[in-house]
């Protein structure tokens, strides 16, 4: 379903991005794509907001990563314009990669110079009011729901841009749609639960606060995981 629907929508995504040059239309198509996948897959979801985001305010949103479902759900629950900041492998995939690197932001963590440029692009988006979604683990955890250690990029980005950072917990996506390459679990029917925690302000924070902020976000996300 993931790839079939993407193939059907690919021409329209290309038109929106390369002809009409409208990322908002492209994002609308991606929202439709995500909603149809969940509908056809029989995966309802529910969200619990500790505080609703403000229109016009950019955020860095940090999520745990335990399933491919985590990539689909943000299109269905986040109400405003956003981009993913994610590993460069997404930008190298046939067809999908073209659209990913045009609209979203690939980051090559193995190359410090390229990684810095990706963070600069993300900071420019934040200044334009576009929220950035990040999986600070860097990849799907093979021991989900237990998380991998968080990398520092998302927290440095939020501090440098002085924007609030929102922890998001995909509480049970690992149970509904596990990564078959990394887990011996089989998927199960169920209600996908998403917890959107209260934004944490980074104003007055500096690079000296990165470790403290990273640990706080980790604890917030971990506290809502279903085990």
N, C-alpha and C. Protein backbone atom coordinates (compact mmCIF):
# COMPACT_ATOMS: atom_id res chain seq x y z
N UNK A 1 0.83 -1.21 0.00
CA UNK A 1 0.00 0.00 0.00
C UNK A 1 0.86 1.26 0.00
N UNK A 2 1.93 1.22 0.79
CA UNK A 2 2.83 2.36 0.91
C UNK A 2 3.34 2.78 -0.47
N UNK A 3 3.88 1.81 -1.21
CA UNK A 3 4.52 2.13 -2.49
C UNK A 3 3.51 2.25 -3.63
N UNK A 4 2.43 1.48 -3.58
CA UNK A 4 1.43 1.57 -4.64
C UNK A 4 0.76 2.94 -4.63
N UNK A 5 0.35 3.38 -3.45
CA UNK A 5 -0.28 4.69 -3.34
C UNK A 5 0.69 5.80 -3.70
N UNK A 6 1.94 5.63 -3.29
CA UNK A 6 2.95 6.65 -3.62
C UNK A 6 3.11 6.75 -5.13
N UNK A 7 3.13 5.58 -5.82
CA UNK A 7 3.29 5.58 -7.27
C UNK A 7 2.12 6.29 -7.96
N UNK A 8 0.92 6.07 -7.44
CA UNK A 8 -0.26 6.70 -8.03
C UNK A 8 -0.24 8.22 -7.84
N UNK A 9 0.29 8.66 -6.71
CA UNK A 9 0.31 10.09 -6.39
C UNK A 9 1.57 10.80 -6.89
N UNK A 10 2.56 10.02 -7.32
CA UNK A 10 3.85 10.60 -7.71
C UNK A 10 3.72 11.70 -8.77
N UNK A 11 2.94 11.49 -9.86
CA UNK A 11 2.83 12.57 -10.87
C UNK A 11 2.27 13.87 -10.29
N UNK A 12 1.31 13.76 -9.37
CA UNK A 12 0.70 14.95 -8.77
C UNK A 12 1.67 15.64 -7.83
N UNK A 13 2.48 14.86 -7.13
CA UNK A 13 3.51 15.44 -6.28
C UNK A 13 4.54 16.19 -7.12
N UNK A 14 4.92 15.60 -8.24
CA UNK A 14 5.88 16.26 -9.13
C UNK A 14 5.30 17.57 -9.68
N UNK A 15 4.04 17.54 -10.07
CA UNK A 15 3.40 18.75 -10.57
C UNK A 15 3.39 19.84 -9.50
N UNK A 16 3.03 19.48 -8.30
CA UNK A 16 2.93 20.49 -7.23
C UNK A 16 4.28 21.09 -6.89
N UNK A 17 5.35 20.26 -6.92
CA UNK A 17 6.66 20.74 -6.50
C UNK A 17 7.45 21.40 -7.63
N UNK A 18 7.38 20.85 -8.84
CA UNK A 18 8.26 21.29 -9.91
C UNK A 18 7.58 22.18 -10.95
N UNK A 19 6.25 22.12 -11.02
CA UNK A 19 5.52 22.97 -11.96
C UNK A 19 4.88 24.15 -11.23
N UNK A 20 4.04 23.84 -10.24
CA UNK A 20 3.36 24.89 -9.48
C UNK A 20 4.21 25.43 -8.35
N UNK A 21 5.28 24.68 -7.99
CA UNK A 21 6.21 25.09 -6.93
C UNK A 21 5.48 25.42 -5.63
N UNK A 22 4.59 24.53 -5.25
CA UNK A 22 3.81 24.72 -4.03
C UNK A 22 4.04 23.56 -3.07
N UNK A 23 4.83 23.84 -2.04
CA UNK A 23 5.05 22.80 -1.03
C UNK A 23 3.79 22.54 -0.22
N UNK A 24 2.94 23.53 -0.09
CA UNK A 24 1.71 23.33 0.69
C UNK A 24 0.77 22.35 -0.02
N UNK A 25 0.70 22.45 -1.34
CA UNK A 25 -0.10 21.47 -2.09
C UNK A 25 0.53 20.09 -1.97
N UNK A 26 1.86 20.02 -2.08
CA UNK A 26 2.56 18.73 -1.95
C UNK A 26 2.33 18.13 -0.57
N UNK A 27 2.34 18.98 0.45
CA UNK A 27 2.09 18.48 1.81
C UNK A 27 0.67 17.97 1.93
N UNK A 28 -0.28 18.66 1.30
CA UNK A 28 -1.67 18.20 1.30
C UNK A 28 -1.81 16.83 0.66
N UNK A 29 -1.08 16.61 -0.43
CA UNK A 29 -1.11 15.30 -1.09
C UNK A 29 -0.51 14.23 -0.18
N UNK A 30 0.57 14.59 0.52
CA UNK A 30 1.18 13.63 1.45
C UNK A 30 0.25 13.33 2.63
N UNK A 31 -0.50 14.33 3.07
CA UNK A 31 -1.48 14.08 4.14
C UNK A 31 -2.55 13.09 3.65
N UNK A 32 -3.02 13.27 2.43
CA UNK A 32 -4.00 12.36 1.84
C UNK A 32 -3.42 10.95 1.74
N UNK A 33 -2.17 10.87 1.28
CA UNK A 33 -1.46 9.59 1.16
C UNK A 33 -1.40 8.87 2.51
N UNK A 34 -0.99 9.58 3.56
CA UNK A 34 -0.90 8.97 4.89
C UNK A 34 -2.24 8.53 5.42
N UNK A 35 -3.27 9.36 5.22
CA UNK A 35 -4.61 9.02 5.72
C UNK A 35 -5.16 7.78 5.04
N UNK A 36 -4.94 7.65 3.72
CA UNK A 36 -5.44 6.49 2.99
C UNK A 36 -4.71 5.23 3.42
N UNK A 37 -3.40 5.32 3.66
CA UNK A 37 -2.65 4.16 4.13
C UNK A 37 -3.22 3.65 5.45
N UNK A 38 -3.48 4.56 6.37
CA UNK A 38 -4.02 4.16 7.67
C UNK A 38 -5.42 3.58 7.52
N UNK A 39 -6.22 4.19 6.63
CA UNK A 39 -7.59 3.71 6.42
C UNK A 39 -7.58 2.30 5.83
N UNK A 40 -6.82 2.10 4.75
CA UNK A 40 -6.80 0.80 4.10
C UNK A 40 -6.10 -0.26 4.95
N UNK A 41 -5.14 0.20 5.76
CA UNK A 41 -4.43 -0.73 6.63
C UNK A 41 -5.20 -1.08 7.89
N UNK A 42 -6.35 -0.42 8.10
CA UNK A 42 -7.13 -0.70 9.30
C UNK A 42 -6.41 -0.27 10.57
N UNK A 43 -5.74 0.90 10.51
CA UNK A 43 -4.98 1.39 11.67
C UNK A 43 -5.56 2.72 12.11
N UNK A 44 -6.53 2.71 13.02
CA UNK A 44 -7.01 3.98 13.58
C UNK A 44 -5.97 4.53 14.55
N UNK A 45 -6.01 5.81 14.79
CA UNK A 45 -5.06 6.39 15.75
C UNK A 45 -5.75 7.44 16.60
N UNK A 46 -5.17 7.68 17.74
CA UNK A 46 -5.69 8.71 18.64
C UNK A 46 -4.53 9.57 19.11
N UNK A 47 -4.79 10.85 19.34
CA UNK A 47 -3.76 11.76 19.82
C UNK A 47 -4.18 12.35 21.16
N UNK A 48 -3.20 12.54 22.03
CA UNK A 48 -3.42 13.21 23.31
C UNK A 48 -2.46 14.39 23.37
N UNK A 49 -3.03 15.59 23.37
CA UNK A 49 -2.23 16.82 23.36
C UNK A 49 -2.17 17.40 24.77
N UNK A 50 -0.97 17.61 25.28
CA UNK A 50 -0.84 18.34 26.53
C UNK A 50 -1.04 19.84 26.31
N UNK A 51 -0.69 20.28 25.12
CA UNK A 51 -0.90 21.69 24.75
C UNK A 51 -0.89 21.79 23.23
N UNK A 52 -1.88 22.47 22.68
CA UNK A 52 -1.96 22.60 21.22
C UNK A 52 -0.89 23.57 20.70
N UNK A 53 -0.30 23.27 19.55
CA UNK A 53 0.69 24.20 18.98
C UNK A 53 0.03 25.48 18.51
N UNK A 54 0.82 26.55 18.48
CA UNK A 54 0.30 27.85 18.08
C UNK A 54 0.54 28.07 16.59
N UNK A 55 -0.46 28.56 15.90
CA UNK A 55 -0.32 28.88 14.48
C UNK A 55 0.75 29.96 14.31
N UNK A 56 1.63 29.77 13.35
CA UNK A 56 2.67 30.75 13.09
C UNK A 56 3.94 30.53 13.89
N UNK A 57 3.89 29.64 14.88
CA UNK A 57 5.06 29.34 15.70
C UNK A 57 5.74 28.09 15.16
N UNK A 58 7.02 28.17 14.89
CA UNK A 58 7.78 27.00 14.45
C UNK A 58 8.26 26.23 15.67
N UNK A 59 8.34 24.92 15.54
CA UNK A 59 8.81 24.04 16.61
C UNK A 59 9.81 23.04 16.04
N UNK A 60 10.66 22.53 16.92
CA UNK A 60 11.39 21.29 16.63
C UNK A 60 10.64 20.19 17.37
N UNK A 61 10.19 19.19 16.63
CA UNK A 61 9.41 18.09 17.20
C UNK A 61 10.28 16.85 17.22
N UNK A 62 10.54 16.32 18.41
CA UNK A 62 11.38 15.13 18.57
C UNK A 62 10.51 13.92 18.87
N UNK A 63 10.66 12.87 18.07
CA UNK A 63 9.83 11.67 18.21
C UNK A 63 10.72 10.44 18.39
N UNK A 64 10.21 9.46 19.13
CA UNK A 64 10.86 8.15 19.13
C UNK A 64 10.60 7.47 17.79
N UNK A 65 11.43 6.49 17.46
CA UNK A 65 11.32 5.84 16.14
C UNK A 65 11.36 4.33 16.33
N UNK A 66 10.18 3.70 16.21
CA UNK A 66 10.08 2.26 16.44
C UNK A 66 9.40 1.52 15.30
N UNK A 67 8.98 2.26 14.26
CA UNK A 67 8.16 1.65 13.21
C UNK A 67 8.10 2.59 12.02
N UNK A 68 7.83 2.03 10.82
CA UNK A 68 7.59 2.88 9.66
C UNK A 68 6.29 3.67 9.82
N UNK A 69 5.44 3.24 10.72
CA UNK A 69 4.21 3.97 11.02
C UNK A 69 4.52 5.38 11.53
N UNK A 70 5.68 5.54 12.17
CA UNK A 70 6.08 6.84 12.71
C UNK A 70 6.28 7.88 11.62
N UNK A 71 6.57 7.42 10.39
CA UNK A 71 6.76 8.35 9.28
C UNK A 71 5.42 8.81 8.72
N UNK A 72 4.41 7.95 8.82
CA UNK A 72 3.10 8.25 8.25
C UNK A 72 2.26 9.12 9.17
N UNK A 73 2.31 8.85 10.47
CA UNK A 73 1.41 9.50 11.42
C UNK A 73 1.54 11.03 11.46
N UNK A 74 2.75 11.63 11.40
CA UNK A 74 2.82 13.09 11.45
C UNK A 74 2.00 13.78 10.37
N UNK A 75 1.90 13.18 9.18
CA UNK A 75 1.10 13.78 8.11
C UNK A 75 -0.38 13.83 8.50
N UNK A 76 -0.78 12.97 9.43
CA UNK A 76 -2.20 12.85 9.78
C UNK A 76 -2.58 13.64 11.02
N UNK A 77 -1.61 14.00 11.88
CA UNK A 77 -2.02 14.71 13.10
C UNK A 77 -1.44 16.12 13.24
N UNK A 78 -0.31 16.41 12.56
CA UNK A 78 0.26 17.75 12.74
C UNK A 78 -0.49 18.75 11.86
N UNK A 79 -1.05 19.81 12.46
CA UNK A 79 -1.98 20.67 11.70
C UNK A 79 -1.32 21.70 10.79
N UNK A 80 -0.02 21.94 10.94
CA UNK A 80 0.62 23.02 10.21
C UNK A 80 1.74 22.48 9.29
N UNK A 81 2.36 23.40 8.56
CA UNK A 81 3.42 23.04 7.63
C UNK A 81 4.62 22.49 8.41
N UNK A 82 5.19 21.39 7.92
CA UNK A 82 6.37 20.84 8.57
C UNK A 82 7.24 20.15 7.54
N UNK A 83 8.51 19.96 7.90
CA UNK A 83 9.46 19.18 7.12
C UNK A 83 10.12 18.15 8.03
N UNK A 84 10.48 17.02 7.47
CA UNK A 84 11.29 16.04 8.19
C UNK A 84 12.77 16.39 8.02
N UNK A 85 13.54 16.21 9.09
CA UNK A 85 15.00 16.19 9.03
C UNK A 85 15.39 14.74 9.31
N UNK A 86 15.85 14.02 8.29
CA UNK A 86 16.04 12.58 8.44
C UNK A 86 17.27 12.11 7.68
N UNK A 87 17.67 10.88 7.92
CA UNK A 87 18.91 10.34 7.37
C UNK A 87 18.91 10.38 5.85
N UNK A 88 20.10 10.53 5.29
CA UNK A 88 20.27 10.76 3.85
C UNK A 88 19.79 9.59 3.00
N UNK A 89 19.68 8.39 3.58
CA UNK A 89 19.26 7.22 2.80
C UNK A 89 17.88 7.43 2.18
N UNK A 90 17.02 8.22 2.86
CA UNK A 90 15.70 8.50 2.29
C UNK A 90 15.81 9.26 0.97
N UNK A 91 16.82 10.09 0.87
CA UNK A 91 16.99 10.91 -0.34
C UNK A 91 17.62 10.12 -1.48
N UNK A 92 18.11 8.92 -1.19
CA UNK A 92 18.77 8.11 -2.21
C UNK A 92 17.84 7.07 -2.83
N UNK A 93 16.64 6.94 -2.29
CA UNK A 93 15.70 5.95 -2.81
C UNK A 93 15.17 6.40 -4.17
N UNK A 94 14.91 5.45 -5.08
CA UNK A 94 14.36 5.82 -6.40
C UNK A 94 13.01 6.53 -6.27
N UNK A 95 12.80 7.58 -7.02
CA UNK A 95 11.55 8.35 -7.08
C UNK A 95 11.24 9.02 -5.73
N UNK A 96 11.08 8.23 -4.67
CA UNK A 96 10.78 8.79 -3.36
C UNK A 96 11.87 9.77 -2.94
N UNK A 97 13.13 9.41 -3.25
CA UNK A 97 14.26 10.26 -2.86
C UNK A 97 14.22 11.63 -3.51
N UNK A 98 13.77 11.68 -4.76
CA UNK A 98 13.68 12.96 -5.46
C UNK A 98 12.77 13.93 -4.73
N UNK A 99 11.61 13.42 -4.31
CA UNK A 99 10.66 14.27 -3.61
C UNK A 99 11.12 14.57 -2.19
N UNK A 100 11.76 13.58 -1.56
CA UNK A 100 12.21 13.81 -0.19
C UNK A 100 13.24 14.93 -0.13
N UNK A 101 14.25 14.87 -0.99
CA UNK A 101 15.30 15.89 -0.90
C UNK A 101 14.85 17.24 -1.44
N UNK A 102 13.75 17.27 -2.21
CA UNK A 102 13.20 18.55 -2.68
C UNK A 102 12.42 19.25 -1.59
N UNK A 103 11.65 18.47 -0.82
CA UNK A 103 10.77 19.07 0.17
C UNK A 103 11.31 18.95 1.59
N UNK A 104 11.80 17.78 1.94
CA UNK A 104 12.31 17.54 3.29
C UNK A 104 13.84 17.70 3.31
N UNK A 105 14.47 17.39 4.44
CA UNK A 105 15.88 17.71 4.60
C UNK A 105 16.67 16.45 4.95
N UNK A 106 17.46 15.92 4.02
CA UNK A 106 18.31 14.77 4.34
C UNK A 106 19.56 15.24 5.08
N UNK A 107 20.01 14.43 6.03
CA UNK A 107 21.23 14.78 6.78
C UNK A 107 22.20 13.61 6.74
N UNK A 108 23.43 13.92 6.37
CA UNK A 108 24.50 12.92 6.31
C UNK A 108 25.35 13.07 7.57
N UNK A 109 25.07 12.23 8.56
CA UNK A 109 25.76 12.36 9.84
C UNK A 109 27.21 11.91 9.76
N UNK A 110 27.57 11.20 8.69
CA UNK A 110 28.95 10.75 8.55
C UNK A 110 29.85 11.85 8.00
N UNK A 111 29.25 12.94 7.51
CA UNK A 111 30.00 14.05 6.94
C UNK A 111 29.65 15.32 7.70
N UNK A 112 30.53 15.77 8.60
CA UNK A 112 30.22 16.95 9.44
C UNK A 112 29.85 18.20 8.65
N UNK A 113 30.52 18.40 7.50
CA UNK A 113 30.23 19.60 6.71
C UNK A 113 28.83 19.54 6.12
N UNK A 114 28.46 18.38 5.55
CA UNK A 114 27.12 18.22 4.98
C UNK A 114 26.06 18.25 6.08
N UNK A 115 26.37 17.67 7.23
CA UNK A 115 25.42 17.69 8.35
C UNK A 115 25.16 19.13 8.81
N UNK A 116 26.22 19.94 8.85
CA UNK A 116 26.07 21.34 9.26
C UNK A 116 25.21 22.11 8.27
N UNK A 117 25.37 21.83 6.97
CA UNK A 117 24.55 22.50 5.96
C UNK A 117 23.08 22.09 6.08
N UNK A 118 22.83 20.82 6.41
CA UNK A 118 21.45 20.36 6.61
C UNK A 118 20.81 21.08 7.80
N UNK A 119 21.58 21.27 8.87
CA UNK A 119 21.06 21.97 10.04
C UNK A 119 20.83 23.45 9.72
N UNK A 120 21.68 24.03 8.88
CA UNK A 120 21.47 25.42 8.46
C UNK A 120 20.17 25.55 7.67
N UNK A 121 19.92 24.59 6.79
CA UNK A 121 18.68 24.61 6.01
C UNK A 121 17.47 24.46 6.94
N UNK A 122 17.59 23.58 7.94
CA UNK A 122 16.50 23.40 8.89
C UNK A 122 16.26 24.67 9.71
N UNK A 123 17.34 25.33 10.09
CA UNK A 123 17.20 26.58 10.87
C UNK A 123 16.53 27.66 10.02
N UNK A 124 16.84 27.69 8.73
CA UNK A 124 16.18 28.66 7.83
C UNK A 124 14.69 28.37 7.74
N UNK A 125 14.31 27.10 7.69
CA UNK A 125 12.90 26.73 7.69
C UNK A 125 12.21 27.21 8.97
N UNK A 126 12.87 27.03 10.09
CA UNK A 126 12.30 27.45 11.37
C UNK A 126 12.06 28.96 11.38
N UNK A 127 13.00 29.71 10.82
CA UNK A 127 12.82 31.17 10.76
C UNK A 127 11.64 31.53 9.87
N UNK A 128 11.32 30.67 8.91
CA UNK A 128 10.18 30.90 8.03
C UNK A 128 8.87 30.36 8.62
N UNK A 129 8.93 29.87 9.85
CA UNK A 129 7.72 29.39 10.50
C UNK A 129 7.36 27.94 10.22
N UNK A 130 8.31 27.19 9.63
CA UNK A 130 8.06 25.78 9.30
C UNK A 130 8.61 24.89 10.40
N UNK A 131 7.79 24.03 10.93
CA UNK A 131 8.19 23.10 11.99
C UNK A 131 9.07 22.00 11.41
N UNK A 132 10.03 21.53 12.21
CA UNK A 132 10.95 20.47 11.80
C UNK A 132 10.71 19.24 12.68
N UNK A 133 10.41 18.10 12.04
CA UNK A 133 10.26 16.82 12.74
C UNK A 133 11.58 16.06 12.67
N UNK A 134 12.02 15.54 13.81
CA UNK A 134 13.30 14.83 13.90
C UNK A 134 13.11 13.54 14.69
N UNK A 135 13.79 12.48 14.23
CA UNK A 135 13.90 11.25 15.02
C UNK A 135 15.33 11.24 15.59
N UNK A 136 15.52 11.71 16.83
CA UNK A 136 16.88 11.87 17.35
C UNK A 136 17.64 10.56 17.55
N UNK A 137 16.94 9.41 17.50
CA UNK A 137 17.66 8.13 17.55
C UNK A 137 18.43 7.89 16.25
N UNK A 138 17.98 8.48 15.16
CA UNK A 138 18.65 8.34 13.88
C UNK A 138 18.15 7.20 13.04
N UNK A 139 17.57 6.18 13.65
CA UNK A 139 17.05 5.02 12.94
C UNK A 139 16.07 4.28 13.84
N UNK A 140 15.38 3.30 13.29
CA UNK A 140 14.43 2.51 14.07
C UNK A 140 15.19 1.66 15.07
N UNK A 141 14.76 1.69 16.31
CA UNK A 141 15.41 0.91 17.35
C UNK A 141 15.14 -0.59 17.16
N UNK A 142 16.18 -1.43 17.18
CA UNK A 142 15.96 -2.87 17.05
C UNK A 142 15.38 -3.49 18.32
N UNK A 143 15.39 -2.72 19.41
CA UNK A 143 14.88 -3.23 20.69
C UNK A 143 13.65 -2.46 21.14
N UNK A 144 12.88 -1.97 20.17
CA UNK A 144 11.68 -1.20 20.51
C UNK A 144 10.77 -2.03 21.41
N UNK A 145 10.13 -1.38 22.39
CA UNK A 145 9.99 0.07 22.56
C UNK A 145 11.18 0.78 23.20
N UNK A 146 12.19 0.05 23.68
CA UNK A 146 13.36 0.72 24.25
C UNK A 146 14.04 1.55 23.16
N UNK A 147 14.41 2.76 23.51
CA UNK A 147 14.98 3.68 22.53
C UNK A 147 16.49 3.59 22.48
N UNK A 148 17.04 3.97 21.32
CA UNK A 148 18.47 4.14 21.17
C UNK A 148 18.88 5.49 21.79
N UNK A 149 20.16 5.68 22.08
CA UNK A 149 20.60 6.99 22.57
C UNK A 149 20.27 8.08 21.56
N UNK A 150 19.94 9.26 22.06
CA UNK A 150 19.62 10.39 21.20
C UNK A 150 20.90 11.08 20.73
N UNK A 151 20.88 11.50 19.46
CA UNK A 151 21.96 12.33 18.93
C UNK A 151 21.64 13.80 19.23
N UNK A 152 22.65 14.65 19.16
CA UNK A 152 22.51 16.03 19.65
C UNK A 152 21.91 17.01 18.65
N UNK A 153 21.83 16.64 17.37
CA UNK A 153 21.48 17.60 16.34
C UNK A 153 20.18 18.35 16.57
N UNK A 154 19.13 17.63 16.95
CA UNK A 154 17.81 18.26 17.13
C UNK A 154 17.84 19.30 18.24
N UNK A 155 18.60 19.02 19.28
CA UNK A 155 18.62 19.91 20.44
C UNK A 155 19.48 21.14 20.17
N UNK A 156 20.55 20.95 19.45
CA UNK A 156 21.36 22.11 19.04
C UNK A 156 20.56 22.99 18.10
N UNK A 157 19.80 22.35 17.19
CA UNK A 157 18.97 23.11 16.24
C UNK A 157 17.96 23.98 16.98
N UNK A 158 17.26 23.40 17.96
CA UNK A 158 16.24 24.14 18.70
C UNK A 158 16.86 25.30 19.49
N UNK A 159 18.03 25.04 20.09
CA UNK A 159 18.69 26.09 20.88
C UNK A 159 19.22 27.20 19.98
N UNK A 160 19.85 26.82 18.86
CA UNK A 160 20.38 27.84 17.95
C UNK A 160 19.27 28.72 17.38
N UNK A 161 18.12 28.09 17.08
CA UNK A 161 17.00 28.86 16.51
C UNK A 161 16.13 29.49 17.58
N UNK A 162 16.37 29.11 18.86
CA UNK A 162 15.59 29.64 19.99
C UNK A 162 14.09 29.40 19.78
N UNK A 163 13.74 28.18 19.38
CA UNK A 163 12.34 27.81 19.21
C UNK A 163 11.99 26.71 20.20
N UNK A 164 10.71 26.58 20.57
CA UNK A 164 10.32 25.52 21.50
C UNK A 164 10.53 24.13 20.87
N UNK A 165 10.75 23.17 21.73
CA UNK A 165 10.93 21.79 21.29
C UNK A 165 9.82 20.95 21.91
N UNK A 166 9.19 20.12 21.07
CA UNK A 166 8.05 19.32 21.52
C UNK A 166 8.41 17.84 21.47
N UNK A 167 8.36 17.14 22.61
CA UNK A 167 8.54 15.68 22.60
C UNK A 167 7.24 15.01 22.14
N UNK A 168 7.36 14.03 21.25
CA UNK A 168 6.21 13.24 20.79
C UNK A 168 6.51 11.77 20.99
N UNK A 169 5.58 11.06 21.62
CA UNK A 169 5.74 9.64 21.85
C UNK A 169 4.78 8.85 20.98
N UNK A 170 5.33 8.01 20.11
CA UNK A 170 4.54 7.00 19.42
C UNK A 170 4.52 5.79 20.35
N UNK A 171 3.44 5.70 21.12
CA UNK A 171 3.44 4.81 22.28
C UNK A 171 3.50 3.34 21.93
N UNK A 172 2.80 2.94 20.86
CA UNK A 172 2.71 1.50 20.58
C UNK A 172 2.86 1.16 19.10
N UNK A 173 3.47 2.05 18.33
CA UNK A 173 3.65 1.77 16.90
C UNK A 173 4.52 0.54 16.69
N UNK A 174 5.44 0.30 17.61
CA UNK A 174 6.33 -0.87 17.53
C UNK A 174 5.55 -2.17 17.61
N UNK A 175 4.40 -2.12 18.25
CA UNK A 175 3.58 -3.33 18.40
C UNK A 175 2.68 -3.54 17.18
N UNK A 176 2.19 -2.44 16.60
CA UNK A 176 1.26 -2.54 15.47
C UNK A 176 1.97 -2.85 14.17
N UNK A 177 3.09 -2.15 13.91
CA UNK A 177 3.81 -2.34 12.65
C UNK A 177 5.31 -2.38 12.94
N UNK A 178 5.82 -3.48 13.47
CA UNK A 178 7.26 -3.56 13.77
C UNK A 178 8.08 -3.62 12.49
N UNK A 179 9.34 -3.24 12.61
CA UNK A 179 10.27 -3.33 11.47
C UNK A 179 10.67 -4.79 11.31
N UNK A 180 10.18 -5.43 10.26
CA UNK A 180 10.41 -6.86 10.08
C UNK A 180 11.88 -7.20 9.91
N UNK A 181 12.71 -6.22 9.49
CA UNK A 181 14.14 -6.48 9.29
C UNK A 181 14.90 -6.52 10.61
N UNK A 182 14.35 -5.86 11.63
CA UNK A 182 15.07 -5.75 12.90
C UNK A 182 14.40 -6.49 14.04
N UNK A 183 13.17 -6.93 13.83
CA UNK A 183 12.42 -7.55 14.91
C UNK A 183 11.79 -8.85 14.43
N UNK A 184 11.68 -9.82 15.33
CA UNK A 184 11.02 -11.08 15.03
C UNK A 184 9.53 -11.03 15.35
N UNK A 185 9.08 -9.85 15.82
CA UNK A 185 7.66 -9.71 16.16
C UNK A 185 6.82 -9.63 14.89
N UNK A 186 5.58 -10.05 14.99
CA UNK A 186 4.62 -9.84 13.91
C UNK A 186 3.69 -8.71 14.34
N UNK A 187 3.14 -7.99 13.37
CA UNK A 187 2.25 -6.87 13.69
C UNK A 187 0.94 -7.34 14.28
N UNK A 188 0.21 -6.40 14.86
CA UNK A 188 -1.07 -6.73 15.47
C UNK A 188 -2.05 -5.58 15.25
N UNK A 189 -3.33 -5.91 15.16
CA UNK A 189 -4.33 -4.86 15.05
C UNK A 189 -4.41 -4.08 16.35
N UNK A 190 -4.74 -2.81 16.23
CA UNK A 190 -4.86 -2.01 17.44
C UNK A 190 -4.96 -0.53 17.12
N UNK A 191 -5.20 0.24 18.15
CA UNK A 191 -5.31 1.70 18.05
C UNK A 191 -3.93 2.31 18.28
N UNK A 192 -3.41 3.00 17.29
CA UNK A 192 -2.11 3.66 17.45
C UNK A 192 -2.29 4.89 18.33
N UNK A 193 -1.46 4.99 19.36
CA UNK A 193 -1.58 6.09 20.33
C UNK A 193 -0.38 7.03 20.20
N UNK A 194 -0.71 8.31 20.08
CA UNK A 194 0.32 9.35 19.94
C UNK A 194 0.14 10.34 21.08
N UNK A 195 1.22 10.60 21.81
CA UNK A 195 1.20 11.59 22.90
C UNK A 195 2.06 12.78 22.49
N UNK A 196 1.44 13.95 22.41
CA UNK A 196 2.16 15.17 22.08
C UNK A 196 2.32 15.97 23.37
N UNK A 197 3.55 16.00 23.85
CA UNK A 197 3.82 16.62 25.14
C UNK A 197 3.87 18.14 25.04
N UNK A 198 3.89 18.78 26.16
CA UNK A 198 3.92 20.24 26.23
C UNK A 198 5.25 20.77 25.68
N UNK A 199 5.20 21.84 24.88
CA UNK A 199 6.45 22.42 24.36
C UNK A 199 7.39 22.86 25.48
N UNK A 200 8.67 22.71 25.24
CA UNK A 200 9.70 23.12 26.19
C UNK A 200 10.46 24.29 25.56
N UNK A 201 10.46 25.41 26.23
CA UNK A 201 11.11 26.61 25.72
C UNK A 201 12.63 26.48 25.75
N UNK A 202 13.29 27.01 24.73
CA UNK A 202 14.75 26.98 24.69
C UNK A 202 15.34 28.38 24.78
N UNK A 203 14.50 29.38 24.93
CA UNK A 203 15.01 30.75 25.05
C UNK A 203 15.93 30.83 26.27
N UNK A 204 17.04 31.50 26.09
CA UNK A 204 18.09 31.67 27.10
C UNK A 204 18.98 30.44 27.24
N UNK A 205 18.65 29.33 26.54
CA UNK A 205 19.53 28.17 26.57
C UNK A 205 20.70 28.38 25.62
N UNK A 206 21.82 27.72 25.92
CA UNK A 206 23.01 27.73 25.07
C UNK A 206 23.45 26.29 24.84
N UNK A 207 24.56 26.13 24.12
CA UNK A 207 25.08 24.78 23.86
C UNK A 207 25.42 24.05 25.15
N UNK A 208 25.64 24.79 26.22
CA UNK A 208 25.93 24.16 27.51
C UNK A 208 24.72 23.38 28.04
N UNK A 209 23.53 23.68 27.51
CA UNK A 209 22.31 23.03 27.98
C UNK A 209 21.88 21.84 27.12
N UNK A 210 22.66 21.51 26.09
CA UNK A 210 22.25 20.46 25.17
C UNK A 210 22.03 19.13 25.88
N UNK A 211 22.99 18.72 26.70
CA UNK A 211 22.87 17.42 27.38
C UNK A 211 21.65 17.38 28.30
N UNK A 212 21.45 18.47 29.02
CA UNK A 212 20.30 18.57 29.93
C UNK A 212 18.99 18.49 29.15
N UNK A 213 18.91 19.21 28.04
CA UNK A 213 17.70 19.20 27.22
C UNK A 213 17.47 17.83 26.60
N UNK A 214 18.53 17.23 26.09
CA UNK A 214 18.42 15.89 25.48
C UNK A 214 17.88 14.88 26.49
N UNK A 215 18.41 14.89 27.70
CA UNK A 215 17.97 13.95 28.72
C UNK A 215 16.51 14.19 29.13
N UNK A 216 16.12 15.46 29.19
CA UNK A 216 14.74 15.80 29.54
C UNK A 216 13.77 15.27 28.48
N UNK A 217 14.09 15.50 27.21
CA UNK A 217 13.23 15.03 26.12
C UNK A 217 13.15 13.51 26.11
N UNK A 218 14.28 12.86 26.32
CA UNK A 218 14.31 11.39 26.37
C UNK A 218 13.36 10.87 27.44
N UNK A 219 13.43 11.47 28.62
CA UNK A 219 12.59 11.03 29.74
C UNK A 219 11.11 11.27 29.46
N UNK A 220 10.80 12.41 28.83
CA UNK A 220 9.40 12.73 28.52
C UNK A 220 8.82 11.69 27.56
N UNK A 221 9.57 11.36 26.52
CA UNK A 221 9.09 10.38 25.54
C UNK A 221 9.00 9.01 26.16
N UNK A 222 10.02 8.62 26.90
CA UNK A 222 10.06 7.29 27.50
C UNK A 222 8.92 7.08 28.49
N UNK A 223 8.48 8.14 29.15
CA UNK A 223 7.44 8.01 30.18
C UNK A 223 6.08 7.59 29.62
N UNK A 224 5.87 7.79 28.31
CA UNK A 224 4.57 7.47 27.71
C UNK A 224 4.60 6.23 26.81
N UNK A 225 5.72 5.55 26.75
CA UNK A 225 5.83 4.34 25.93
C UNK A 225 5.04 3.20 26.55
N UNK A 226 4.40 2.41 25.72
CA UNK A 226 3.71 1.21 26.19
C UNK A 226 4.66 0.02 26.08
N UNK A 227 4.79 -0.69 27.18
CA UNK A 227 5.72 -1.84 27.21
C UNK A 227 4.94 -3.11 27.58
